[in-house]
Structures are given as C-alpha cells and as structure tokens.
N, C-alpha and C. Protein backbone atom coordinates (compact mmCIF):
# COMPACT_ATOMS: atom_id res chain seq x y z
N MET A 1 -20.19 19.77 160.30
CA MET A 1 -21.62 19.96 159.58
C MET A 1 -21.64 18.66 158.91
N GLY A 2 -21.44 18.10 159.03
CA GLY A 2 -20.67 16.52 158.83
C GLY A 2 -20.19 16.06 156.99
N VAL A 3 -19.51 17.52 156.43
CA VAL A 3 -18.79 17.60 155.18
C VAL A 3 -17.54 17.71 155.81
N ASP A 4 -16.87 17.46 154.61
CA ASP A 4 -14.89 17.52 154.85
C ASP A 4 -14.97 18.44 153.91
N VAL A 5 -14.42 20.23 154.15
CA VAL A 5 -14.02 20.75 153.77
C VAL A 5 -12.42 21.00 153.30
N PRO A 6 -12.07 21.12 151.89
CA PRO A 6 -10.68 21.35 151.48
C PRO A 6 -10.39 21.34 152.62
N ASN A 7 -8.75 22.06 152.65
CA ASN A 7 -7.57 22.65 153.75
C ASN A 7 -7.20 23.50 153.13
N ASP A 8 -6.33 22.73 151.89
CA ASP A 8 -5.65 23.52 150.88
C ASP A 8 -6.26 24.32 150.12
N LYS A 9 -7.38 24.50 150.16
CA LYS A 9 -8.35 25.82 149.28
C LYS A 9 -8.25 27.31 150.37
N GLN A 10 -8.60 28.24 149.87
CA GLN A 10 -9.31 29.61 150.24
C GLN A 10 -10.47 29.33 151.11
N ILE A 11 -10.40 30.06 152.23
CA ILE A 11 -11.52 29.58 152.79
C ILE A 11 -13.13 29.32 152.98
N GLN A 12 -13.42 31.30 151.72
CA GLN A 12 -14.10 31.38 150.80
C GLN A 12 -14.63 30.12 149.51
N TYR A 13 -13.79 29.63 149.09
CA TYR A 13 -13.69 28.31 148.40
C TYR A 13 -14.14 27.55 149.38
N SER A 14 -13.37 27.13 149.97
CA SER A 14 -13.93 25.82 150.47
C SER A 14 -15.07 25.07 151.41
N LEU A 15 -15.55 26.81 151.23
CA LEU A 15 -17.75 26.48 152.13
C LEU A 15 -18.06 26.62 151.22
N THR A 16 -17.43 26.45 150.00
CA THR A 16 -18.88 26.38 148.61
C THR A 16 -18.98 24.96 148.40
N TYR A 17 -18.38 24.09 149.30
CA TYR A 17 -19.06 22.49 149.95
C TYR A 17 -19.34 22.07 150.15
N LEU A 18 -20.13 23.12 150.72
CA LEU A 18 -21.01 23.04 151.74
C LEU A 18 -23.03 23.16 150.79
N TYR A 19 -23.57 22.38 150.93
CA TYR A 19 -24.66 22.61 149.88
C TYR A 19 -25.58 23.02 150.65
N GLY A 20 -25.61 24.97 149.64
CA GLY A 20 -26.38 25.76 149.43
C GLY A 20 -25.65 27.08 149.94
N ILE A 21 -24.44 26.69 150.71
CA ILE A 21 -23.30 27.43 150.28
C ILE A 21 -22.81 28.06 148.70
N GLY A 22 -23.01 29.17 148.31
CA GLY A 22 -21.96 29.65 147.27
C GLY A 22 -21.44 29.93 147.56
N LEU A 23 -20.22 30.55 147.25
CA LEU A 23 -19.42 31.94 146.75
C LEU A 23 -20.03 33.36 148.03
N HIS A 24 -21.29 33.89 146.67
CA HIS A 24 -21.78 35.01 147.59
C HIS A 24 -21.42 34.71 149.18
N THR A 25 -22.62 33.42 149.58
CA THR A 25 -22.84 33.39 150.58
C THR A 25 -21.46 33.32 151.68
N ALA A 26 -20.43 32.68 151.08
CA ALA A 26 -18.94 31.92 151.62
C ALA A 26 -18.32 33.43 151.86
N ARG A 27 -18.85 34.54 151.11
CA ARG A 27 -17.98 35.70 151.36
C ARG A 27 -17.97 36.35 152.41
N GLU A 28 -19.76 36.15 152.18
CA GLU A 28 -20.99 37.18 153.18
C GLU A 28 -20.48 36.54 155.02
N VAL A 29 -20.17 34.74 155.19
CA VAL A 29 -19.92 34.83 156.57
C VAL A 29 -18.08 34.96 156.84
N CYS A 30 -17.43 34.73 155.55
CA CYS A 30 -15.65 35.69 156.14
C CYS A 30 -16.33 36.90 156.47
N GLU A 31 -16.98 37.99 155.80
CA GLU A 31 -17.70 39.12 156.15
C GLU A 31 -17.94 39.77 157.88
N LYS A 32 -19.18 38.41 157.95
CA LYS A 32 -19.12 38.62 158.90
C LYS A 32 -18.56 38.91 160.22
N LEU A 33 -17.49 37.69 160.17
CA LEU A 33 -16.83 37.81 161.35
C LEU A 33 -15.55 37.77 161.49
N GLY A 34 -15.51 38.84 160.09
CA GLY A 34 -13.89 39.30 160.47
C GLY A 34 -13.06 38.47 160.14
N ILE A 35 -12.88 36.97 159.07
CA ILE A 35 -11.72 36.89 158.39
C ILE A 35 -11.75 36.64 157.24
N GLU A 36 -10.40 36.63 157.07
CA GLU A 36 -9.77 37.03 155.41
C GLU A 36 -10.75 36.16 154.74
N PRO A 37 -10.75 36.33 153.53
CA PRO A 37 -11.37 35.34 152.62
C PRO A 37 -10.21 34.55 152.18
N THR A 38 -8.98 34.93 151.65
CA THR A 38 -8.50 34.76 151.24
C THR A 38 -7.65 34.15 151.61
N ARG A 39 -7.60 33.39 152.81
CA ARG A 39 -6.56 32.61 154.27
C ARG A 39 -7.28 31.43 153.70
N ASN A 40 -5.94 30.31 153.99
CA ASN A 40 -6.22 29.08 153.89
C ASN A 40 -7.52 28.46 154.77
N ALA A 41 -8.35 27.27 154.21
CA ALA A 41 -8.74 26.70 155.81
C ALA A 41 -7.94 25.68 156.58
N ASN A 42 -6.72 25.28 156.19
CA ASN A 42 -5.83 24.53 157.23
C ASN A 42 -5.39 25.68 158.22
N ASP A 43 -5.30 26.93 158.03
CA ASP A 43 -4.53 28.20 159.09
C ASP A 43 -5.54 29.02 159.91
N LEU A 44 -6.72 28.40 159.95
CA LEU A 44 -7.92 28.62 161.09
C LEU A 44 -7.71 28.15 161.46
N THR A 45 -8.43 28.52 163.32
CA THR A 45 -7.85 28.43 164.31
C THR A 45 -9.16 27.34 165.38
N GLU A 46 -9.30 26.07 165.31
CA GLU A 46 -10.66 26.13 166.03
C GLU A 46 -11.92 26.85 166.62
N GLU A 47 -11.20 27.82 167.01
CA GLU A 47 -12.31 29.19 167.49
C GLU A 47 -12.84 29.59 166.51
N GLU A 48 -11.83 30.30 165.09
CA GLU A 48 -12.94 30.83 164.18
C GLU A 48 -13.60 29.37 163.08
N VAL A 49 -13.53 28.42 163.66
CA VAL A 49 -13.92 27.71 162.79
C VAL A 49 -15.70 27.28 163.47
N SER A 50 -15.40 27.18 164.84
CA SER A 50 -16.50 27.03 165.52
C SER A 50 -17.24 28.07 165.37
N ARG A 51 -17.06 29.17 164.95
CA ARG A 51 -17.90 30.44 164.56
C ARG A 51 -18.51 30.31 163.73
N ILE A 52 -17.61 30.16 163.11
CA ILE A 52 -18.25 30.00 161.51
C ILE A 52 -19.41 28.72 161.58
N THR A 53 -18.85 27.69 162.53
CA THR A 53 -20.53 26.53 162.48
C THR A 53 -21.10 27.16 162.75
N ALA A 54 -21.17 27.75 164.11
CA ALA A 54 -22.49 28.32 164.56
C ALA A 54 -23.34 29.70 163.44
N LEU A 55 -22.41 29.81 162.90
CA LEU A 55 -23.11 31.49 162.09
C LEU A 55 -24.17 30.17 161.81
N LEU A 56 -23.80 29.79 160.68
CA LEU A 56 -24.21 28.86 159.44
C LEU A 56 -25.20 28.45 160.55
N GLU A 57 -24.65 27.76 161.35
CA GLU A 57 -26.21 26.45 161.89
C GLU A 57 -27.93 27.88 162.45
N ARG A 58 -27.07 28.88 163.16
CA ARG A 58 -27.96 30.36 163.21
C ARG A 58 -28.96 30.71 162.53
N GLU A 59 -27.87 31.40 161.23
CA GLU A 59 -28.71 32.47 160.46
C GLU A 59 -29.05 31.89 158.71
N TYR A 60 -29.02 30.56 158.45
CA TYR A 60 -28.31 29.55 157.21
C TYR A 60 -28.44 28.44 157.10
N THR A 61 -29.53 27.91 156.14
CA THR A 61 -30.00 26.82 156.21
C THR A 61 -29.38 26.42 155.10
N VAL A 62 -28.67 25.21 155.65
CA VAL A 62 -27.86 24.09 155.04
C VAL A 62 -27.72 22.80 155.72
N GLU A 63 -27.20 22.38 154.18
CA GLU A 63 -26.66 20.89 154.47
C GLU A 63 -28.72 19.96 154.02
N GLY A 64 -28.47 18.71 155.64
CA GLY A 64 -29.63 18.48 155.76
C GLY A 64 -31.32 18.67 155.85
N PRO A 65 -30.83 20.18 156.61
CA PRO A 65 -32.52 20.50 156.78
C PRO A 65 -32.94 21.20 155.19
N LEU A 66 -31.93 21.69 154.63
CA LEU A 66 -32.21 22.39 153.46
C LEU A 66 -32.65 20.97 152.18
N ARG A 67 -32.41 20.36 152.05
CA ARG A 67 -32.13 19.25 151.34
C ARG A 67 -33.83 18.99 151.52
N ARG A 68 -33.66 18.46 152.30
CA ARG A 68 -35.32 18.25 152.56
C ARG A 68 -36.49 19.04 153.02
N GLN A 69 -36.11 20.79 152.88
CA GLN A 69 -36.87 21.67 152.77
C GLN A 69 -37.37 21.45 151.17
N VAL A 70 -36.32 21.47 150.33
CA VAL A 70 -36.35 21.47 148.53
C VAL A 70 -37.19 19.59 148.22
N THR A 71 -37.24 18.70 148.98
CA THR A 71 -37.30 17.48 148.72
C THR A 71 -39.56 17.98 149.24
N GLN A 72 -39.72 18.45 150.50
CA GLN A 72 -40.85 18.33 150.85
C GLN A 72 -41.46 19.47 150.03
N ASN A 73 -40.99 20.74 149.66
CA ASN A 73 -41.19 21.30 148.27
C ASN A 73 -41.36 21.11 146.97
N ILE A 74 -40.75 20.00 146.05
CA ILE A 74 -41.50 19.77 145.01
C ILE A 74 -42.37 18.43 145.64
N ASN A 75 -42.65 17.52 146.80
CA ASN A 75 -43.44 16.92 147.13
C ASN A 75 -44.89 17.80 147.55
N ARG A 76 -45.06 18.89 147.49
CA ARG A 76 -46.31 19.41 147.76
C ARG A 76 -46.73 19.91 146.92
N LEU A 77 -45.61 19.91 145.58
CA LEU A 77 -45.85 20.49 144.13
C LEU A 77 -46.42 19.73 143.92
N ARG A 78 -46.06 18.31 143.83
CA ARG A 78 -46.74 16.52 142.80
C ARG A 78 -47.87 16.97 143.38
N GLU A 79 -47.88 16.64 144.56
CA GLU A 79 -49.09 15.90 145.45
C GLU A 79 -50.58 17.36 144.93
N VAL A 80 -50.25 18.50 144.69
CA VAL A 80 -51.65 19.08 144.91
C VAL A 80 -51.75 19.69 142.96
N ARG A 81 -50.97 18.76 142.36
CA ARG A 81 -50.76 18.30 140.83
C ARG A 81 -50.95 19.83 140.17
N CYS A 82 -50.01 20.79 140.11
CA CYS A 82 -49.98 21.83 139.32
C CYS A 82 -49.22 21.74 138.76
N TYR A 83 -48.56 22.24 137.88
CA TYR A 83 -48.41 22.03 136.87
C TYR A 83 -47.00 21.56 136.77
N ARG A 84 -45.46 22.52 137.44
CA ARG A 84 -44.66 22.68 138.48
C ARG A 84 -44.48 20.56 138.36
N GLY A 85 -46.30 20.41 139.45
CA GLY A 85 -45.47 19.57 140.40
C GLY A 85 -45.59 17.73 138.62
N ILE A 86 -46.17 18.46 138.33
CA ILE A 86 -46.24 17.38 137.08
C ILE A 86 -45.13 17.38 135.83
N ARG A 87 -44.76 18.23 135.76
CA ARG A 87 -44.07 17.32 134.81
C ARG A 87 -42.79 17.54 136.26
N HIS A 88 -42.43 17.38 137.24
CA HIS A 88 -41.36 16.86 138.75
C HIS A 88 -42.09 15.26 138.61
N ARG A 89 -42.92 15.31 138.89
CA ARG A 89 -43.46 13.63 138.32
C ARG A 89 -43.38 12.41 136.98
N VAL A 90 -42.64 13.30 135.76
CA VAL A 90 -43.14 12.48 134.32
C VAL A 90 -42.26 12.85 134.20
N SER A 91 -41.05 13.28 134.76
CA SER A 91 -39.02 13.54 134.60
C SER A 91 -39.36 14.77 134.02
N LEU A 92 -39.48 15.63 133.61
CA LEU A 92 -39.51 16.78 132.19
C LEU A 92 -39.12 18.14 132.77
N PRO A 93 -38.88 18.54 131.59
CA PRO A 93 -37.74 20.35 132.93
C PRO A 93 -38.91 20.54 132.83
N VAL A 94 -38.81 21.42 134.65
CA VAL A 94 -39.94 22.11 134.69
C VAL A 94 -39.46 24.08 134.53
N ARG A 95 -39.34 24.20 134.19
CA ARG A 95 -38.89 25.71 133.68
C ARG A 95 -39.94 26.12 132.85
N GLY A 96 -39.43 25.81 131.73
CA GLY A 96 -40.21 25.95 130.51
C GLY A 96 -39.69 25.56 129.12
N GLN A 97 -38.61 25.37 129.30
CA GLN A 97 -37.88 24.84 128.45
C GLN A 97 -38.10 23.67 127.09
N ARG A 98 -37.41 24.39 126.30
CA ARG A 98 -38.21 23.19 125.23
C ARG A 98 -37.98 21.34 125.23
N THR A 99 -38.53 20.71 124.64
CA THR A 99 -38.06 19.30 124.58
C THR A 99 -38.08 18.54 123.49
N LYS A 100 -38.23 19.26 122.35
CA LYS A 100 -38.44 18.60 121.31
C LYS A 100 -37.05 18.53 120.63
N THR A 101 -36.71 19.34 121.18
CA THR A 101 -34.48 18.98 121.63
C THR A 101 -34.23 19.04 121.95
N ASN A 102 -32.85 18.73 122.38
CA ASN A 102 -32.21 19.06 123.91
C ASN A 102 -33.01 18.30 125.25
N ALA A 103 -32.75 18.62 126.34
CA ALA A 103 -33.32 18.01 127.92
C ALA A 103 -33.24 16.78 128.12
N ARG A 104 -31.67 16.62 127.75
CA ARG A 104 -31.60 15.43 127.71
C ARG A 104 -31.45 14.62 128.76
N THR A 105 -30.91 15.67 129.58
CA THR A 105 -30.72 15.96 131.12
C THR A 105 -32.03 15.30 131.95
N ARG A 106 -32.84 16.13 131.62
CA ARG A 106 -33.79 15.72 132.51
C ARG A 106 -34.35 14.35 132.32
N LYS A 107 -34.84 14.07 130.75
CA LYS A 107 -35.60 12.97 130.17
C LYS A 107 -34.80 11.70 129.86
N GLY A 108 -33.54 11.85 130.18
CA GLY A 108 -32.71 10.38 130.70
C GLY A 108 -32.05 10.01 128.79
N PRO A 109 -31.36 9.01 128.57
CA PRO A 109 -30.82 8.46 127.37
C PRO A 109 -32.24 8.52 126.47
N ARG A 110 -31.26 9.03 124.82
CA ARG A 110 -33.24 8.71 123.95
C ARG A 110 -33.51 7.16 124.28
N LYS A 111 -35.13 6.56 124.03
CA LYS A 111 -35.33 5.86 123.46
C LYS A 111 -35.52 5.65 121.70
N THR A 112 -35.05 4.53 120.97
CA THR A 112 -35.24 5.06 119.62
C THR A 112 -36.22 4.38 119.42
N VAL A 113 -37.17 4.69 118.94
CA VAL A 113 -38.31 3.94 118.09
C VAL A 113 -37.92 3.43 116.86
N ALA A 114 -38.28 2.33 115.82
CA ALA A 114 -38.63 1.94 114.58
C ALA A 114 -39.03 2.88 113.88
N GLY A 115 -37.71 3.25 112.42
CA GLY A 115 -37.72 3.89 111.64
C GLY A 115 -39.09 3.58 110.65
N LYS A 116 -39.70 4.21 109.81
CA LYS A 116 -40.34 4.27 109.16
C LYS A 116 -40.17 3.46 107.58
N LYS A 117 -41.02 2.11 107.32
CA LYS A 117 -40.37 1.92 106.13
C LYS A 117 -40.02 2.71 104.74
N GLY A 118 -39.26 2.55 104.05
CA GLY A 118 -38.99 2.76 102.53
C GLY A 118 -40.52 3.12 101.76
N VAL A 119 -40.54 3.82 100.72
CA VAL A 119 -41.88 3.62 99.73
C VAL A 119 -41.20 2.87 98.58
N LYS A 120 -39.78 1.97 98.36
CA LYS A 120 -39.98 1.22 97.97
C LYS A 120 -40.29 -0.21 98.44
N ASP A 121 -39.95 -0.75 99.91
CA ASP A 121 -40.76 -1.56 100.00
C ASP A 121 -41.65 -1.84 100.53
N LEU A 122 -42.37 -1.35 99.96
CA LEU A 122 -43.34 -1.10 100.26
C LEU A 122 -44.34 -1.96 99.15
N ARG A 123 -43.67 -1.60 97.99
CA ARG A 123 -43.86 -2.52 96.20
C ARG A 123 -44.28 -4.14 96.52
C-alpha cells in the first residue's frame, strides 16, 4: 500500500503503521483472515501478505484515499463557513477546548506582546 511496515514486530502492531489502521482494526483483519496476530511480520508468506492487502483495499479506506477524504471534509467545512470550518481556518481548536491557556499545539509558539509600563515609570 506504499508503506513499509516493520518486519521485526508482530503483525498486529506492524499493520498500525498504515494510516487509518489502529490496533483494533489490525486485530480484526488478522481474525478475518485466520492469521495469528502475534506472529512476526517477516514470518508471513507472500500469499498471506497479498490476502491482507486485498482485504484492506476491499473493505477499508486507508492511506491516500483516507487522507484525501479527511482533507475534503475539512475543506467542505471551511467553504460553508460553519463554526468548525472557521476554527480550522484560523488554526484554533475545533472541538470545544479552552484557548485562554493551553491549545499551544494548534495555535503555535507564543507571540509575546510588550508588557505594560509600571506605575512608577508613569511619573
């Protein structure tokens, strides 16, 4: 699928390196195909790898198509100018978090503003 999964890890953890596949989904894929989730990824045969790839393409949206879908959803919100779209546009938290403190990940590094002069300096 265009991503190199680590061979030295168990297959259930290796599959999580794909965008859109978490641990629960990885275990679900292994269960559907009858593959032991604790086997190492380098122990899989070519036939098992192709079965995993076919299942992921058929039943799940992963990697490029999923990234495209998420981007399109965000752009739609921005275009209709709904509350969430505006929050995306101005790089503020979208899901109701406070912004007086915290929210540094979304807002970026602090932009320091010059402090007020002291009372003694005004005389």
